[in-house]
Amino acid sequence: MGLYSIVCDYAGGTFVSQVQATDENDAVAKWAEALPSERPLGNASEQIAKAALADRELVPLDGLIGVWCWTETSMMRSR
């Protein structure tokens, strides 16, 4: 297992979490599973968790080692 850092940019804020996982997909899954109970993103935590668990198409970033991106643009901002 390795330590993975998750950086989430949402609604003008940047949120950082760390999880122990076997690979990058497992890291996103574990992060998403913790979101509803930890609620770092307020009411949107549950929606973002569902989106991350449903679609984990991670894209490796060119020129970097061990860095991937996952983007969800269809989320409606929670008020």
PDB file of N, CA and C in Angstrom:
ATOM      1  N   MET A   1       0.844  -1.191   0.000  1.00  0.00           N
ATOM      2  CA  MET A   1       0.000   0.000   0.000  1.00  0.00           C
ATOM      3  C   MET A   1       0.880   1.240   0.000  1.00  0.00           C
ATOM      4  N   GLY A   2       0.339   2.281  -0.612  1.00  0.00           N
ATOM      5  CA  GLY A   2       1.056   3.547  -0.645  1.00  0.00           C
ATOM      6  C   GLY A   2       0.168   4.667  -0.149  1.00  0.00           C
ATOM      7  N   LEU A   3       0.766   5.805   0.105  1.00  0.00           N
ATOM      8  CA  LEU A   3       0.037   6.982   0.546  1.00  0.00           C
ATOM      9  C   LEU A   3      -0.273   7.835  -0.674  1.00  0.00           C
ATOM     10  N   TYR A   4      -1.543   8.143  -0.875  1.00  0.00           N
ATOM     11  CA  TYR A   4      -1.992   8.946  -2.006  1.00  0.00           C
ATOM     12  C   TYR A   4      -2.605  10.242  -1.494  1.00  0.00           C
ATOM     13  N   SER A   5      -2.285  11.338  -2.150  1.00  0.00           N
ATOM     14  CA  SER A   5      -2.859  12.642  -1.820  1.00  0.00           C
ATOM     15  C   SER A   5      -3.920  12.983  -2.865  1.00  0.00           C
ATOM     16  N   ILE A   6      -5.068  13.400  -2.397  1.00  0.00           N
ATOM     17  CA  ILE A   6      -6.178  13.789  -3.266  1.00  0.00           C
ATOM     18  C   ILE A   6      -6.364  15.292  -3.106  1.00  0.00           C
ATOM     19  N   VAL A   7      -6.315  16.014  -4.218  1.00  0.00           N
ATOM     20  CA  VAL A   7      -6.542  17.456  -4.210  1.00  0.00           C
ATOM     21  C   VAL A   7      -7.849  17.700  -4.950  1.00  0.00           C
ATOM     22  N   CYS A   8      -8.807  18.279  -4.269  1.00  0.00           N
ATOM     23  CA  CYS A   8     -10.126  18.524  -4.846  1.00  0.00           C
ATOM     24  C   CYS A   8     -10.384  20.027  -4.906  1.00  0.00           C
ATOM     25  N   ASP A   9     -10.632  20.514  -6.110  1.00  0.00           N
ATOM     26  CA  ASP A   9     -10.973  21.921  -6.321  1.00  0.00           C
ATOM     27  C   ASP A   9     -12.479  21.988  -6.502  1.00  0.00           C
ATOM     28  N   TYR A  10     -13.169  22.642  -5.575  1.00  0.00           N
ATOM     29  CA  TYR A  10     -14.627  22.705  -5.645  1.00  0.00           C
ATOM     30  C   TYR A  10     -15.124  24.027  -5.086  1.00  0.00           C
ATOM     31  N   ALA A  11     -15.969  24.687  -5.842  1.00  0.00           N
ATOM     32  CA  ALA A  11     -16.665  25.909  -5.407  1.00  0.00           C
ATOM     33  C   ALA A  11     -15.709  26.953  -4.833  1.00  0.00           C
ATOM     34  N   GLY A  12     -14.573  27.132  -5.483  1.00  0.00           N
ATOM     35  CA  GLY A  12     -13.636  28.153  -5.044  1.00  0.00           C
ATOM     36  C   GLY A  12     -12.711  27.742  -3.925  1.00  0.00           C
ATOM     37  N   GLY A  13     -12.830  26.512  -3.469  1.00  0.00           N
ATOM     38  CA  GLY A  13     -11.962  26.029  -2.389  1.00  0.00           C
ATOM     39  C   GLY A  13     -11.106  24.863  -2.862  1.00  0.00           C
ATOM     40  N   THR A  14      -9.994  24.668  -2.208  1.00  0.00           N
ATOM     41  CA  THR A  14      -9.123  23.537  -2.500  1.00  0.00           C
ATOM     42  C   THR A  14      -9.052  22.671  -1.248  1.00  0.00           C
ATOM     43  N   PHE A  15      -9.391  21.400  -1.400  1.00  0.00           N
ATOM     44  CA  PHE A  15      -9.485  20.469  -0.283  1.00  0.00           C
ATOM     45  C   PHE A  15      -8.486  19.341  -0.506  1.00  0.00           C
ATOM     46  N   VAL A  16      -7.666  19.032   0.489  1.00  0.00           N
ATOM     47  CA  VAL A  16      -6.634  18.008   0.359  1.00  0.00           C
ATOM     48  C   VAL A  16      -6.892  16.903   1.374  1.00  0.00           C
ATOM     49  N   SER A  17      -6.830  15.665   0.895  1.00  0.00           N
ATOM     50  CA  SER A  17      -6.993  14.486   1.745  1.00  0.00           C
ATOM     51  C   SER A  17      -5.883  13.502   1.412  1.00  0.00           C
ATOM     52  N   GLN A  18      -5.580  12.610   2.329  1.00  0.00           N
ATOM     53  CA  GLN A  18      -4.629  11.543   2.066  1.00  0.00           C
ATOM     54  C   GLN A  18      -5.245  10.217   2.469  1.00  0.00           C
ATOM     55  N   VAL A  19      -4.989   9.193   1.647  1.00  0.00           N
ATOM     56  CA  VAL A  19      -5.498   7.851   1.922  1.00  0.00           C
ATOM     57  C   VAL A  19      -4.409   6.825   1.635  1.00  0.00           C
ATOM     58  N   GLN A  20      -4.464   5.709   2.335  1.00  0.00           N
ATOM     59  CA  GLN A  20      -3.612   4.558   2.053  1.00  0.00           C
ATOM     60  C   GLN A  20      -4.366   3.699   1.052  1.00  0.00           C
ATOM     61  N   ALA A  21      -3.706   3.327  -0.051  1.00  0.00           N
ATOM     62  CA  ALA A  21      -4.376   2.543  -1.084  1.00  0.00           C
ATOM     63  C   ALA A  21      -3.364   1.719  -1.867  1.00  0.00           C
ATOM     64  N   THR A  22      -3.879   0.743  -2.601  1.00  0.00           N
ATOM     65  CA  THR A  22      -3.016  -0.127  -3.400  1.00  0.00           C
ATOM     66  C   THR A  22      -2.625   0.492  -4.737  1.00  0.00           C
ATOM     67  N   ASP A  23      -3.492   1.352  -5.297  1.00  0.00           N
ATOM     68  CA  ASP A  23      -3.187   2.036  -6.546  1.00  0.00           C
ATOM     69  C   ASP A  23      -4.066   3.284  -6.649  1.00  0.00           C
ATOM     70  N   GLU A  24      -3.917   4.026  -7.746  1.00  0.00           N
ATOM     71  CA  GLU A  24      -4.639   5.288  -7.884  1.00  0.00           C
ATOM     72  C   GLU A  24      -6.158   5.120  -7.912  1.00  0.00           C
ATOM     73  N   ASN A  25      -6.658   4.043  -8.514  1.00  0.00           N
ATOM     74  CA  ASN A  25      -8.103   3.818  -8.545  1.00  0.00           C
ATOM     75  C   ASN A  25      -8.643   3.490  -7.157  1.00  0.00           C
ATOM     76  N   ASP A  26      -7.900   2.686  -6.425  1.00  0.00           N
ATOM     77  CA  ASP A  26      -8.276   2.351  -5.052  1.00  0.00           C
ATOM     78  C   ASP A  26      -8.259   3.609  -4.182  1.00  0.00           C
ATOM     79  N   ALA A  27      -7.304   4.502  -4.436  1.00  0.00           N
ATOM     80  CA  ALA A  27      -7.209   5.748  -3.662  1.00  0.00           C
ATOM     81  C   ALA A  27      -8.444   6.615  -3.867  1.00  0.00           C
ATOM     82  N   VAL A  28      -8.876   6.757  -5.105  1.00  0.00           N
ATOM     83  CA  VAL A  28     -10.075   7.569  -5.370  1.00  0.00           C
ATOM     84  C   VAL A  28     -11.296   6.917  -4.736  1.00  0.00           C
ATOM     85  N   ALA A  29     -11.387   5.595  -4.815  1.00  0.00           N
ATOM     86  CA  ALA A  29     -12.523   4.884  -4.219  1.00  0.00           C
ATOM     87  C   ALA A  29     -12.553   5.082  -2.703  1.00  0.00           C
ATOM     88  N   LYS A  30     -11.414   4.933  -2.049  1.00  0.00           N
ATOM     89  CA  LYS A  30     -11.379   5.107  -0.590  1.00  0.00           C
ATOM     90  C   LYS A  30     -11.688   6.542  -0.193  1.00  0.00           C
ATOM     91  N   TRP A  31     -11.185   7.507  -0.958  1.00  0.00           N
ATOM     92  CA  TRP A  31     -11.490   8.927  -0.704  1.00  0.00           C
ATOM     93  C   TRP A  31     -12.989   9.164  -0.840  1.00  0.00           C
ATOM     94  N   ALA A  32     -13.565   8.639  -1.921  1.00  0.00           N
ATOM     95  CA  ALA A  32     -14.997   8.832  -2.176  1.00  0.00           C
ATOM     96  C   ALA A  32     -15.851   8.169  -1.098  1.00  0.00           C
ATOM     97  N   GLU A  33     -15.443   7.007  -0.633  1.00  0.00           N
ATOM     98  CA  GLU A  33     -16.205   6.308   0.404  1.00  0.00           C
ATOM     99  C   GLU A  33     -16.205   7.076   1.721  1.00  0.00           C
ATOM    100  N   ALA A  34     -15.156   7.847   1.978  1.00  0.00           N
ATOM    101  CA  ALA A  34     -15.068   8.620   3.225  1.00  0.00           C
ATOM    102  C   ALA A  34     -15.808   9.959   3.148  1.00  0.00           C
ATOM    103  N   LEU A  35     -16.040  10.462   1.952  1.00  0.00           N
ATOM    104  CA  LEU A  35     -16.649  11.792   1.809  1.00  0.00           C
ATOM    105  C   LEU A  35     -17.990  11.967   2.523  1.00  0.00           C
ATOM    106  N   PRO A  36     -18.947  11.058   2.357  1.00  0.00           N
ATOM    107  CA  PRO A  36     -20.254  11.285   2.991  1.00  0.00           C
ATOM    108  C   PRO A  36     -20.203  11.422   4.511  1.00  0.00           C
ATOM    109  N   SER A  37     -19.293  10.708   5.170  1.00  0.00           N
ATOM    110  CA  SER A  37     -19.232  10.807   6.633  1.00  0.00           C
ATOM    111  C   SER A  37     -18.367  11.980   7.090  1.00  0.00           C
ATOM    112  N   GLU A  38     -17.284  12.272   6.352  1.00  0.00           N
ATOM    113  CA  GLU A  38     -16.401  13.375   6.748  1.00  0.00           C
ATOM    114  C   GLU A  38     -16.939  14.737   6.306  1.00  0.00           C
ATOM    115  N   ARG A  39     -17.655  14.776   5.188  1.00  0.00           N
ATOM    116  CA  ARG A  39     -18.335  15.970   4.650  1.00  0.00           C
ATOM    117  C   ARG A  39     -17.427  17.205   4.518  1.00  0.00           C
ATOM    118  N   PRO A  40     -16.233  17.061   3.951  1.00  0.00           N
ATOM    119  CA  PRO A  40     -15.367  18.232   3.794  1.00  0.00           C
ATOM    120  C   PRO A  40     -15.905  19.219   2.760  1.00  0.00           C
ATOM    121  N   LEU A  41     -16.798  18.744   1.903  1.00  0.00           N
ATOM    122  CA  LEU A  41     -17.353  19.588   0.844  1.00  0.00           C
ATOM    123  C   LEU A  41     -18.806  19.949   1.122  1.00  0.00           C
ATOM    124  N   GLY A  42     -19.173  19.905   2.386  1.00  0.00           N
ATOM    125  CA  GLY A  42     -20.542  20.258   2.774  1.00  0.00           C
ATOM    126  C   GLY A  42     -21.570  19.340   2.137  1.00  0.00           C
ATOM    127  N   ASN A  43     -22.687  19.916   1.718  1.00  0.00           N
ATOM    128  CA  ASN A  43     -23.780  19.136   1.137  1.00  0.00           C
ATOM    129  C   ASN A  43     -23.378  18.438  -0.156  1.00  0.00           C
ATOM    130  N   ALA A  44     -22.357  18.918  -0.837  1.00  0.00           N
ATOM    131  CA  ALA A  44     -21.934  18.325  -2.105  1.00  0.00           C
ATOM    132  C   ALA A  44     -21.102  17.058  -1.905  1.00  0.00           C
ATOM    133  N   SER A  45     -20.666  16.782  -0.681  1.00  0.00           N
ATOM    134  CA  SER A  45     -19.799  15.629  -0.429  1.00  0.00           C
ATOM    135  C   SER A  45     -20.396  14.328  -0.945  1.00  0.00           C
ATOM    136  N   GLU A  46     -21.664  14.111  -0.672  1.00  0.00           N
ATOM    137  CA  GLU A  46     -22.311  12.861  -1.087  1.00  0.00           C
ATOM    138  C   GLU A  46     -22.426  12.775  -2.608  1.00  0.00           C
ATOM    139  N   GLN A  47     -22.776  13.871  -3.265  1.00  0.00           N
ATOM    140  CA  GLN A  47     -22.899  13.885  -4.729  1.00  0.00           C
ATOM    141  C   GLN A  47     -21.552  13.622  -5.391  1.00  0.00           C
ATOM    142  N   ILE A  48     -20.518  14.256  -4.894  1.00  0.00           N
ATOM    143  CA  ILE A  48     -19.186  14.083  -5.463  1.00  0.00           C
ATOM    144  C   ILE A  48     -18.708  12.650  -5.235  1.00  0.00           C
ATOM    145  N   ALA A  49     -18.994  12.094  -4.069  1.00  0.00           N
ATOM    146  CA  ALA A  49     -18.620  10.709  -3.778  1.00  0.00           C
ATOM    147  C   ALA A  49     -19.284   9.751  -4.769  1.00  0.00           C
ATOM    148  N   LYS A  50     -20.569   9.939  -5.008  1.00  0.00           N
ATOM    149  CA  LYS A  50     -21.286   9.072  -5.958  1.00  0.00           C
ATOM    150  C   LYS A  50     -20.689   9.182  -7.348  1.00  0.00           C
ATOM    151  N   ALA A  51     -20.376  10.397  -7.774  1.00  0.00           N
ATOM    152  CA  ALA A  51     -19.792  10.600  -9.102  1.00  0.00           C
ATOM    153  C   ALA A  51     -18.425   9.937  -9.203  1.00  0.00           C
ATOM    154  N   ALA A  52     -17.613  10.069  -8.158  1.00  0.00           N
ATOM    155  CA  ALA A  52     -16.271   9.479  -8.173  1.00  0.00           C
ATOM    156  C   ALA A  52     -16.327   7.957  -8.181  1.00  0.00           C
ATOM    157  N   LEU A  53     -17.287   7.386  -7.465  1.00  0.00           N
ATOM    158  CA  LEU A  53     -17.413   5.934  -7.428  1.00  0.00           C
ATOM    159  C   LEU A  53     -17.970   5.383  -8.739  1.00  0.00           C
ATOM    160  N   ALA A  54     -18.789   6.176  -9.429  1.00  0.00           N
ATOM    161  CA  ALA A  54     -19.390   5.728 -10.687  1.00  0.00           C
ATOM    162  C   ALA A  54     -18.431   5.859 -11.861  1.00  0.00           C
ATOM    163  N   ASP A  55     -17.585   6.892 -11.838  1.00  0.00           N
ATOM    164  CA  ASP A  55     -16.715   7.165 -12.982  1.00  0.00           C
ATOM    165  C   ASP A  55     -15.331   7.534 -12.499  1.00  0.00           C
ATOM    166  N   ARG A  56     -14.425   6.565 -12.567  1.00  0.00           N
ATOM    167  CA  ARG A  56     -13.052   6.830 -12.126  1.00  0.00           C
ATOM    168  C   ARG A  56     -12.098   6.764 -13.306  1.00  0.00           C
ATOM    169  N   GLU A  57     -12.425   7.446 -14.372  1.00  0.00           N
ATOM    170  CA  GLU A  57     -11.516   7.465 -15.514  1.00  0.00           C
ATOM    171  C   GLU A  57     -10.405   8.460 -15.218  1.00  0.00           C
ATOM    172  N   LEU A  58      -9.311   7.949 -14.660  1.00  0.00           N
ATOM    173  CA  LEU A  58      -8.186   8.791 -14.286  1.00  0.00           C
ATOM    174  C   LEU A  58      -7.282   8.991 -15.487  1.00  0.00           C
ATOM    175  N   VAL A  59      -6.854  10.223 -15.693  1.00  0.00           N
ATOM    176  CA  VAL A  59      -5.992  10.571 -16.816  1.00  0.00           C
ATOM    177  C   VAL A  59      -4.612  10.928 -16.278  1.00  0.00           C
ATOM    178  N   PRO A  60      -3.564  10.218 -16.721  1.00  0.00           N
ATOM    179  CA  PRO A  60      -2.218  10.580 -16.266  1.00  0.00           C
ATOM    180  C   PRO A  60      -1.814  11.936 -16.838  1.00  0.00           C
ATOM    181  N   LEU A  61      -1.166  12.759 -16.038  1.00  0.00           N
ATOM    182  CA  LEU A  61      -0.739  14.078 -16.492  1.00  0.00           C
ATOM    183  C   LEU A  61       0.638  13.972 -17.143  1.00  0.00           C
ATOM    184  N   ASP A  62       0.736  14.502 -18.358  1.00  0.00           N
ATOM    185  CA  ASP A  62       1.988  14.453 -19.116  1.00  0.00           C
ATOM    186  C   ASP A  62       3.118  15.158 -18.374  1.00  0.00           C
ATOM    187  N   GLY A  63       4.270  14.557 -18.416  1.00  0.00           N
ATOM    188  CA  GLY A  63       5.459  15.160 -17.825  1.00  0.00           C
ATOM    189  C   GLY A  63       5.586  14.977 -16.329  1.00  0.00           C
ATOM    190  N   LEU A  64       4.633  14.295 -15.712  1.00  0.00           N
ATOM    191  CA  LEU A  64       4.663  14.068 -14.264  1.00  0.00           C
ATOM    192  C   LEU A  64       4.612  12.572 -13.987  1.00  0.00           C
ATOM    193  N   ILE A  65       5.205  12.163 -12.902  1.00  0.00           N
ATOM    194  CA  ILE A  65       5.196  10.759 -12.518  1.00  0.00           C
ATOM    195  C   ILE A  65       4.269  10.582 -11.324  1.00  0.00           C
ATOM    196  N   GLY A  66       3.334   9.648 -11.440  1.00  0.00           N
ATOM    197  CA  GLY A  66       2.440   9.353 -10.321  1.00  0.00           C
ATOM    198  C   GLY A  66       1.389  10.420 -10.075  1.00  0.00           C
ATOM    199  N   VAL A  67       0.968  11.131 -11.136  1.00  0.00           N
ATOM    200  CA  VAL A  67      -0.050  12.177 -10.984  1.00  0.00           C
ATOM    201  C   VAL A  67      -1.150  11.937 -12.012  1.00  0.00           C
ATOM    202  N   TRP A  68      -2.389  11.879 -11.528  1.00  0.00           N
ATOM    203  CA  TRP A  68      -3.535  11.652 -12.384  1.00  0.00           C
ATOM    204  C   TRP A  68      -4.578  12.728 -12.126  1.00  0.00           C
ATOM    205  N   CYS A  69      -5.504  12.850 -13.072  1.00  0.00           N
ATOM    206  CA  CYS A  69      -6.595  13.819 -12.938  1.00  0.00           C
ATOM    207  C   CYS A  69      -7.926  13.118 -13.174  1.00  0.00           C
ATOM    208  N   TRP A  70      -8.894  13.458 -12.359  1.00  0.00           N
ATOM    209  CA  TRP A  70     -10.287  13.037 -12.565  1.00  0.00           C
ATOM    210  C   TRP A  70     -11.120  14.292 -12.508  1.00  0.00           C
ATOM    211  N   THR A  71     -11.968  14.495 -13.506  1.00  0.00           N
ATOM    212  CA  THR A  71     -12.778  15.703 -13.572  1.00  0.00           C
ATOM    213  C   THR A  71     -14.240  15.347 -13.704  1.00  0.00           C
ATOM    214  N   GLU A  72     -15.067  16.025 -12.950  1.00  0.00           N
ATOM    215  CA  GLU A  72     -16.517  15.866 -13.039  1.00  0.00           C
ATOM    216  C   GLU A  72     -17.080  17.259 -13.269  1.00  0.00           C
ATOM    217  N   THR A  73     -17.618  17.479 -14.445  1.00  0.00           N
ATOM    218  CA  THR A  73     -18.119  18.816 -14.777  1.00  0.00           C
ATOM    219  C   THR A  73     -19.636  18.911 -14.751  1.00  0.00           C
ATOM    220  N   SER A  74     -20.326  17.817 -14.576  1.00  0.00           N
ATOM    221  CA  SER A  74     -21.784  17.858 -14.611  1.00  0.00           C
ATOM    222  C   SER A  74     -22.420  18.097 -13.249  1.00  0.00           C
ATOM    223  N   MET A  75     -21.591  18.303 -12.231  1.00  0.00           N
ATOM    224  CA  MET A  75     -22.107  18.539 -10.884  1.00  0.00           C
ATOM    225  C   MET A  75     -22.790  19.891 -10.805  1.00  0.00           C
ATOM    226  N   MET A  76     -23.912  19.940 -10.129  1.00  0.00           N
ATOM    227  CA  MET A  76     -24.543  21.218  -9.833  1.00  0.00           C
ATOM    228  C   MET A  76     -24.080  21.635  -8.458  1.00  0.00           C
ATOM    229  N   ARG A  77     -23.699  22.871  -8.324  1.00  0.00           N
ATOM    230  CA  ARG A  77     -23.194  23.363  -7.049  1.00  0.00           C
ATOM    231  C   ARG A  77     -24.294  23.326  -5.995  1.00  0.00           C
ATOM    232  N   SER A  78     -23.954  22.760  -4.870  1.00  0.00           N
ATOM    233  CA  SER A  78     -24.889  22.670  -3.753  1.00  0.00           C
ATOM    234  C   SER A  78     -24.928  23.995  -2.996  1.00  0.00           C
ATOM    235  N   ARG A  79     -26.107  24.397  -2.562  1.00  0.00           N
ATOM    236  CA  ARG A  79     -26.245  25.673  -1.845  1.00  0.00           C
ATOM    237  C   ARG A  79     -26.543  25.444  -0.389  1.00  0.00           C
TER     238      ARG A  79
END
